[in-house]
Amino acid sequence: MEGRRNIGWGLVFLGLHMGVGFFLGFMHDLAPGREQWIAQYATGTHFEVRLGHAHGALFGLINVAVGLTLLKLPLPAARARWISWLALAGLLMPVGIALHLLAGVPPVLVLVGGASIIVATLWLAREAFALRPASRRP
């Protein structure tokens, strides 16, 4: 059953990045030195953390949506598997943002993850449009 991993990992990423959102709120409102943190809103660490938070939560939700859709649509197993794995590979984007922030890793994972989730989403849309409408019941 393709889609279960997407739902599970999507919820994990959503929960983790909700935690990052809590951290951002703490840094903005309660942390010592918050004025400096606020002043760096569009640069440096603050920007990178916000970028990771937004993409991690969004890509988590996209994976949940992909997973639920894959569980419901009658797609051939091979295509469903490819779409599932491409959407999961999309989670490399927020991971790549974190690695870039924490370890200075080049943003290759960001690009791979972004491209993967775009392909997965558009492929799934194509599959949905290609389905034959079921006959209506009275």
N, C-alpha and C. Protein backbone atom coordinates (compact mmCIF):
# COMPACT_ATOMS: atom_id res chain seq x y z
N MET A 1 0.83 -1.18 0.00
CA MET A 1 0.00 0.00 0.00
C MET A 1 0.87 1.25 0.00
N GLU A 2 1.02 1.78 -1.17
CA GLU A 2 1.83 3.00 -1.27
C GLU A 2 1.09 4.15 -0.61
N GLY A 3 1.82 4.98 0.07
CA GLY A 3 1.25 6.15 0.71
C GLY A 3 1.39 6.15 2.23
N ARG A 4 1.49 4.97 2.83
CA ARG A 4 1.60 4.92 4.29
C ARG A 4 2.88 5.61 4.78
N ARG A 5 3.98 5.36 4.10
CA ARG A 5 5.25 6.00 4.50
C ARG A 5 5.16 7.52 4.36
N ASN A 6 4.49 7.96 3.29
CA ASN A 6 4.34 9.41 3.09
C ASN A 6 3.55 10.04 4.23
N ILE A 7 2.50 9.38 4.65
CA ILE A 7 1.70 9.91 5.75
C ILE A 7 2.53 9.94 7.03
N GLY A 8 3.19 8.83 7.33
CA GLY A 8 3.98 8.74 8.56
C GLY A 8 5.11 9.76 8.61
N TRP A 9 5.94 9.77 7.56
CA TRP A 9 7.06 10.72 7.54
C TRP A 9 6.59 12.16 7.41
N GLY A 10 5.49 12.35 6.69
CA GLY A 10 4.94 13.70 6.58
C GLY A 10 4.54 14.24 7.94
N LEU A 11 3.88 13.41 8.74
CA LEU A 11 3.49 13.84 10.08
C LEU A 11 4.70 14.04 10.99
N VAL A 12 5.73 13.21 10.84
CA VAL A 12 6.96 13.40 11.62
C VAL A 12 7.58 14.75 11.28
N PHE A 13 7.70 15.05 9.99
CA PHE A 13 8.30 16.33 9.59
C PHE A 13 7.43 17.50 10.03
N LEU A 14 6.13 17.35 9.94
CA LEU A 14 5.24 18.41 10.39
C LEU A 14 5.43 18.66 11.88
N GLY A 15 5.48 17.60 12.68
CA GLY A 15 5.68 17.76 14.12
C GLY A 15 7.03 18.38 14.47
N LEU A 16 8.09 17.92 13.81
CA LEU A 16 9.42 18.48 14.08
C LEU A 16 9.48 19.96 13.73
N HIS A 17 8.89 20.32 12.60
CA HIS A 17 8.97 21.71 12.18
C HIS A 17 7.99 22.60 12.92
N MET A 18 6.96 22.01 13.52
CA MET A 18 6.15 22.77 14.47
C MET A 18 7.00 23.12 15.69
N GLY A 19 7.85 22.18 16.09
CA GLY A 19 8.80 22.45 17.17
C GLY A 19 9.76 23.58 16.82
N VAL A 20 10.21 23.61 15.57
CA VAL A 20 11.07 24.70 15.12
C VAL A 20 10.31 26.03 15.20
N GLY A 21 9.02 25.98 14.88
CA GLY A 21 8.19 27.17 15.00
C GLY A 21 8.09 27.65 16.44
N PHE A 22 8.01 26.71 17.37
CA PHE A 22 8.01 27.07 18.79
C PHE A 22 9.33 27.75 19.16
N PHE A 23 10.44 27.19 18.66
CA PHE A 23 11.75 27.79 18.89
C PHE A 23 11.80 29.22 18.33
N LEU A 24 11.28 29.41 17.13
CA LEU A 24 11.27 30.75 16.53
C LEU A 24 10.46 31.73 17.38
N GLY A 25 9.32 31.27 17.90
CA GLY A 25 8.52 32.12 18.76
C GLY A 25 9.25 32.47 20.04
N PHE A 26 9.94 31.48 20.63
CA PHE A 26 10.73 31.73 21.84
C PHE A 26 11.83 32.75 21.56
N MET A 27 12.56 32.55 20.46
CA MET A 27 13.65 33.47 20.13
C MET A 27 13.14 34.89 19.87
N HIS A 28 11.96 35.01 19.33
CA HIS A 28 11.41 36.32 19.02
C HIS A 28 10.87 37.03 20.25
N ASP A 29 10.26 36.27 21.17
CA ASP A 29 9.53 36.91 22.27
C ASP A 29 10.21 36.82 23.64
N LEU A 30 10.98 35.77 23.90
CA LEU A 30 11.44 35.52 25.26
C LEU A 30 12.95 35.41 25.44
N ALA A 31 13.67 35.09 24.41
CA ALA A 31 15.10 34.79 24.54
C ALA A 31 15.91 36.04 24.87
N PRO A 32 16.96 35.86 25.70
CA PRO A 32 17.89 36.97 25.88
C PRO A 32 18.54 37.31 24.53
N GLY A 33 18.72 38.55 24.24
CA GLY A 33 19.30 38.97 22.97
C GLY A 33 18.31 38.90 21.82
N ARG A 34 17.03 38.90 22.13
CA ARG A 34 16.02 38.79 21.08
C ARG A 34 16.05 39.96 20.11
N GLU A 35 16.50 41.11 20.57
CA GLU A 35 16.56 42.27 19.67
C GLU A 35 17.50 42.00 18.49
N GLN A 36 18.63 41.37 18.78
CA GLN A 36 19.57 41.03 17.71
C GLN A 36 18.94 39.99 16.78
N TRP A 37 18.24 39.01 17.35
CA TRP A 37 17.58 37.97 16.56
C TRP A 37 16.55 38.60 15.63
N ILE A 38 15.76 39.52 16.15
CA ILE A 38 14.74 40.20 15.35
C ILE A 38 15.39 41.05 14.26
N ALA A 39 16.50 41.71 14.59
CA ALA A 39 17.19 42.56 13.62
C ALA A 39 17.73 41.75 12.43
N GLN A 40 17.98 40.46 12.64
CA GLN A 40 18.51 39.60 11.57
C GLN A 40 17.40 38.82 10.86
N TYR A 41 16.21 39.37 10.86
CA TYR A 41 15.02 38.69 10.32
C TYR A 41 15.24 38.13 8.91
N ALA A 42 15.88 38.88 8.05
CA ALA A 42 16.02 38.48 6.65
C ALA A 42 17.43 38.02 6.29
N THR A 43 18.27 37.77 7.29
CA THR A 43 19.64 37.37 6.99
C THR A 43 20.09 36.28 7.96
N GLY A 44 21.16 35.63 7.61
CA GLY A 44 21.86 34.73 8.51
C GLY A 44 21.04 33.58 9.04
N THR A 45 21.35 33.21 10.28
CA THR A 45 20.75 32.05 10.94
C THR A 45 19.24 32.18 11.02
N HIS A 46 18.77 33.35 11.38
CA HIS A 46 17.33 33.55 11.51
C HIS A 46 16.61 33.21 10.21
N PHE A 47 17.12 33.72 9.11
CA PHE A 47 16.51 33.45 7.81
C PHE A 47 16.54 31.96 7.48
N GLU A 48 17.67 31.30 7.71
CA GLU A 48 17.81 29.87 7.40
C GLU A 48 16.85 29.03 8.24
N VAL A 49 16.71 29.37 9.53
CA VAL A 49 15.80 28.62 10.39
C VAL A 49 14.36 28.81 9.91
N ARG A 50 13.98 30.03 9.57
CA ARG A 50 12.63 30.28 9.06
C ARG A 50 12.39 29.54 7.76
N LEU A 51 13.37 29.51 6.89
CA LEU A 51 13.26 28.82 5.61
C LEU A 51 13.04 27.31 5.84
N GLY A 52 13.84 26.73 6.74
CA GLY A 52 13.69 25.32 7.05
C GLY A 52 12.34 25.01 7.69
N HIS A 53 11.90 25.88 8.59
CA HIS A 53 10.62 25.71 9.27
C HIS A 53 9.47 25.70 8.25
N ALA A 54 9.47 26.68 7.38
CA ALA A 54 8.38 26.79 6.40
C ALA A 54 8.36 25.60 5.44
N HIS A 55 9.53 25.25 4.90
CA HIS A 55 9.57 24.16 3.94
C HIS A 55 9.37 22.80 4.59
N GLY A 56 9.88 22.61 5.80
CA GLY A 56 9.68 21.34 6.48
C GLY A 56 8.22 21.08 6.77
N ALA A 57 7.52 22.08 7.29
CA ALA A 57 6.09 21.91 7.58
C ALA A 57 5.30 21.72 6.29
N LEU A 58 5.57 22.55 5.28
CA LEU A 58 4.85 22.44 4.01
C LEU A 58 5.09 21.09 3.34
N PHE A 59 6.34 20.66 3.27
CA PHE A 59 6.64 19.40 2.60
C PHE A 59 6.10 18.21 3.39
N GLY A 60 6.03 18.35 4.72
CA GLY A 60 5.37 17.33 5.53
C GLY A 60 3.90 17.21 5.16
N LEU A 61 3.22 18.35 5.06
CA LEU A 61 1.81 18.34 4.67
C LEU A 61 1.61 17.80 3.25
N ILE A 62 2.51 18.17 2.35
CA ILE A 62 2.41 17.66 0.98
C ILE A 62 2.54 16.14 0.99
N ASN A 63 3.45 15.60 1.80
CA ASN A 63 3.59 14.15 1.86
C ASN A 63 2.35 13.48 2.44
N VAL A 64 1.73 14.10 3.43
CA VAL A 64 0.47 13.55 3.96
C VAL A 64 -0.58 13.53 2.85
N ALA A 65 -0.70 14.63 2.10
CA ALA A 65 -1.68 14.70 1.01
C ALA A 65 -1.38 13.66 -0.07
N VAL A 66 -0.10 13.52 -0.43
CA VAL A 66 0.28 12.52 -1.44
C VAL A 66 -0.05 11.13 -0.93
N GLY A 67 0.28 10.85 0.32
CA GLY A 67 0.00 9.53 0.88
C GLY A 67 -1.47 9.20 0.88
N LEU A 68 -2.30 10.12 1.33
CA LEU A 68 -3.75 9.88 1.35
C LEU A 68 -4.29 9.70 -0.06
N THR A 69 -3.78 10.48 -1.00
CA THR A 69 -4.22 10.37 -2.39
C THR A 69 -3.82 9.02 -2.98
N LEU A 70 -2.59 8.60 -2.71
CA LEU A 70 -2.13 7.31 -3.23
C LEU A 70 -2.94 6.15 -2.66
N LEU A 71 -3.37 6.27 -1.42
CA LEU A 71 -4.17 5.20 -0.82
C LEU A 71 -5.56 5.11 -1.45
N LYS A 72 -6.04 6.22 -2.00
CA LYS A 72 -7.41 6.25 -2.55
C LYS A 72 -7.49 6.03 -4.06
N LEU A 73 -6.49 6.49 -4.80
CA LEU A 73 -6.57 6.39 -6.26
C LEU A 73 -6.14 5.01 -6.74
N PRO A 74 -6.84 4.47 -7.72
CA PRO A 74 -6.46 3.16 -8.28
C PRO A 74 -5.34 3.30 -9.31
N LEU A 75 -4.13 3.49 -8.82
CA LEU A 75 -2.99 3.66 -9.72
C LEU A 75 -2.22 2.36 -9.84
N PRO A 76 -1.57 2.14 -10.98
CA PRO A 76 -0.67 0.99 -11.09
C PRO A 76 0.42 1.07 -10.00
N ALA A 77 0.76 -0.07 -9.44
CA ALA A 77 1.68 -0.11 -8.30
C ALA A 77 3.03 0.55 -8.59
N ALA A 78 3.56 0.32 -9.76
CA ALA A 78 4.89 0.87 -10.07
C ALA A 78 4.86 2.40 -10.10
N ARG A 79 3.84 2.97 -10.71
CA ARG A 79 3.75 4.43 -10.76
C ARG A 79 3.49 5.01 -9.38
N ALA A 80 2.63 4.36 -8.61
CA ALA A 80 2.36 4.83 -7.25
C ALA A 80 3.63 4.79 -6.41
N ARG A 81 4.43 3.74 -6.58
CA ARG A 81 5.68 3.63 -5.83
C ARG A 81 6.65 4.75 -6.19
N TRP A 82 6.78 5.05 -7.48
CA TRP A 82 7.67 6.13 -7.92
C TRP A 82 7.21 7.48 -7.35
N ILE A 83 5.92 7.74 -7.43
CA ILE A 83 5.39 9.00 -6.91
C ILE A 83 5.64 9.09 -5.41
N SER A 84 5.41 8.00 -4.70
CA SER A 84 5.63 7.97 -3.25
C SER A 84 7.08 8.28 -2.90
N TRP A 85 8.01 7.60 -3.57
CA TRP A 85 9.43 7.80 -3.26
C TRP A 85 9.92 9.19 -3.67
N LEU A 86 9.39 9.71 -4.77
CA LEU A 86 9.77 11.07 -5.17
C LEU A 86 9.29 12.10 -4.14
N ALA A 87 8.07 11.91 -3.64
CA ALA A 87 7.56 12.83 -2.62
C ALA A 87 8.39 12.72 -1.34
N LEU A 88 8.74 11.50 -0.96
CA LEU A 88 9.60 11.32 0.23
C LEU A 88 10.97 11.96 0.01
N ALA A 89 11.50 11.84 -1.21
CA ALA A 89 12.79 12.47 -1.51
C ALA A 89 12.69 13.99 -1.40
N GLY A 90 11.50 14.53 -1.58
CA GLY A 90 11.29 15.96 -1.39
C GLY A 90 11.63 16.43 0.01
N LEU A 91 11.53 15.52 0.98
CA LEU A 91 11.88 15.87 2.36
C LEU A 91 13.37 16.17 2.52
N LEU A 92 14.15 15.86 1.49
CA LEU A 92 15.57 16.21 1.53
C LEU A 92 15.78 17.72 1.52
N MET A 93 14.79 18.47 1.03
CA MET A 93 14.96 19.92 0.98
C MET A 93 15.11 20.51 2.38
N PRO A 94 14.16 20.29 3.31
CA PRO A 94 14.37 20.85 4.65
C PRO A 94 15.58 20.24 5.37
N VAL A 95 15.88 18.98 5.09
CA VAL A 95 17.09 18.37 5.66
C VAL A 95 18.32 19.09 5.14
N GLY A 96 18.33 19.37 3.83
CA GLY A 96 19.45 20.09 3.22
C GLY A 96 19.60 21.50 3.78
N ILE A 97 18.48 22.17 4.06
CA ILE A 97 18.54 23.50 4.65
C ILE A 97 19.17 23.42 6.03
N ALA A 98 18.77 22.42 6.83
CA ALA A 98 19.34 22.25 8.17
C ALA A 98 20.82 21.93 8.11
N LEU A 99 21.22 21.04 7.19
CA LEU A 99 22.64 20.69 7.07
C LEU A 99 23.46 21.88 6.58
N HIS A 100 22.88 22.68 5.72
CA HIS A 100 23.57 23.88 5.25
C HIS A 100 23.77 24.86 6.41
N LEU A 101 22.75 25.00 7.23
CA LEU A 101 22.82 25.91 8.38
C LEU A 101 23.80 25.41 9.43
N LEU A 102 23.69 24.13 9.77
CA LEU A 102 24.46 23.59 10.90
C LEU A 102 25.89 23.18 10.54
N ALA A 103 26.10 22.71 9.31
CA ALA A 103 27.41 22.16 8.96
C ALA A 103 28.02 22.78 7.71
N GLY A 104 27.35 23.74 7.11
CA GLY A 104 27.90 24.37 5.91
C GLY A 104 27.91 23.47 4.70
N VAL A 105 27.06 22.44 4.69
CA VAL A 105 26.99 21.51 3.55
C VAL A 105 26.43 22.27 2.35
N PRO A 106 27.01 22.09 1.17
CA PRO A 106 26.45 22.75 -0.02
C PRO A 106 24.98 22.36 -0.21
N PRO A 107 24.19 23.24 -0.80
CA PRO A 107 22.74 23.02 -0.88
C PRO A 107 22.28 22.04 -1.96
N VAL A 108 23.04 21.00 -2.22
CA VAL A 108 22.65 20.02 -3.24
C VAL A 108 21.35 19.32 -2.85
N LEU A 109 21.22 18.95 -1.57
CA LEU A 109 20.00 18.26 -1.12
C LEU A 109 18.78 19.16 -1.25
N VAL A 110 18.97 20.46 -1.09
CA VAL A 110 17.87 21.41 -1.24
C VAL A 110 17.33 21.34 -2.67
N LEU A 111 18.23 21.33 -3.63
CA LEU A 111 17.82 21.28 -5.04
C LEU A 111 17.20 19.94 -5.41
N VAL A 112 17.82 18.85 -4.95
CA VAL A 112 17.28 17.51 -5.23
C VAL A 112 15.89 17.35 -4.61
N GLY A 113 15.75 17.78 -3.36
CA GLY A 113 14.46 17.67 -2.69
C GLY A 113 13.39 18.51 -3.36
N GLY A 114 13.74 19.73 -3.71
CA GLY A 114 12.78 20.60 -4.39
C GLY A 114 12.32 20.03 -5.72
N ALA A 115 13.27 19.56 -6.51
CA ALA A 115 12.92 18.98 -7.81
C ALA A 115 12.08 17.72 -7.64
N SER A 116 12.42 16.89 -6.66
CA SER A 116 11.70 15.64 -6.45
C SER A 116 10.25 15.86 -6.08
N ILE A 117 10.00 16.81 -5.18
CA ILE A 117 8.61 17.00 -4.75
C ILE A 117 7.79 17.68 -5.84
N ILE A 118 8.42 18.50 -6.66
CA ILE A 118 7.70 19.10 -7.79
C ILE A 118 7.30 18.00 -8.77
N VAL A 119 8.24 17.12 -9.12
CA VAL A 119 7.94 16.04 -10.05
C VAL A 119 6.85 15.13 -9.49
N ALA A 120 6.95 14.77 -8.21
CA ALA A 120 5.95 13.89 -7.60
C ALA A 120 4.56 14.52 -7.64
N THR A 121 4.48 15.80 -7.31
CA THR A 121 3.19 16.47 -7.27
C THR A 121 2.57 16.58 -8.67
N LEU A 122 3.38 16.97 -9.64
CA LEU A 122 2.85 17.10 -11.00
C LEU A 122 2.49 15.73 -11.60
N TRP A 123 3.28 14.71 -11.29
CA TRP A 123 2.98 13.36 -11.78
C TRP A 123 1.67 12.86 -11.17
N LEU A 124 1.49 13.10 -9.87
CA LEU A 124 0.25 12.67 -9.22
C LEU A 124 -0.95 13.42 -9.79
N ALA A 125 -0.78 14.70 -10.08
CA ALA A 125 -1.86 15.47 -10.71
C ALA A 125 -2.21 14.89 -12.07
N ARG A 126 -1.20 14.54 -12.85
CA ARG A 126 -1.44 13.95 -14.16
C ARG A 126 -2.21 12.64 -14.02
N GLU A 127 -1.82 11.82 -13.06
CA GLU A 127 -2.52 10.54 -12.84
C GLU A 127 -3.97 10.78 -12.43
N ALA A 128 -4.21 11.79 -11.61
CA ALA A 128 -5.58 12.08 -11.18
C ALA A 128 -6.43 12.54 -12.37
N PHE A 129 -5.87 13.40 -13.22
CA PHE A 129 -6.61 13.86 -14.40
C PHE A 129 -6.87 12.72 -15.39
N ALA A 130 -5.99 11.73 -15.44
CA ALA A 130 -6.11 10.63 -16.40
C ALA A 130 -7.12 9.57 -15.97
N LEU A 131 -7.58 9.61 -14.73
CA LEU A 131 -8.54 8.60 -14.27
C LEU A 131 -9.86 8.74 -15.01
N ARG A 132 -10.45 7.62 -15.29
CA ARG A 132 -11.78 7.62 -15.91
C ARG A 132 -12.80 7.86 -14.80
N PRO A 133 -13.80 8.70 -15.07
CA PRO A 133 -14.81 8.93 -14.04
C PRO A 133 -15.62 7.65 -13.80
N ALA A 134 -15.87 7.37 -12.54
CA ALA A 134 -16.68 6.20 -12.19
C ALA A 134 -18.13 6.50 -12.54
N SER A 135 -18.85 5.46 -12.89
CA SER A 135 -20.27 5.68 -13.20
C SER A 135 -20.99 6.11 -11.92
N ARG A 136 -21.89 7.03 -12.08
CA ARG A 136 -22.61 7.58 -10.92
C ARG A 136 -23.70 6.62 -10.49
N ARG A 137 -23.87 6.56 -9.19
CA ARG A 137 -24.94 5.73 -8.64
C ARG A 137 -26.15 6.63 -8.40
N PRO A 138 -27.36 6.08 -8.60
CA PRO A 138 -28.55 6.91 -8.36
C PRO A 138 -28.73 7.26 -6.91
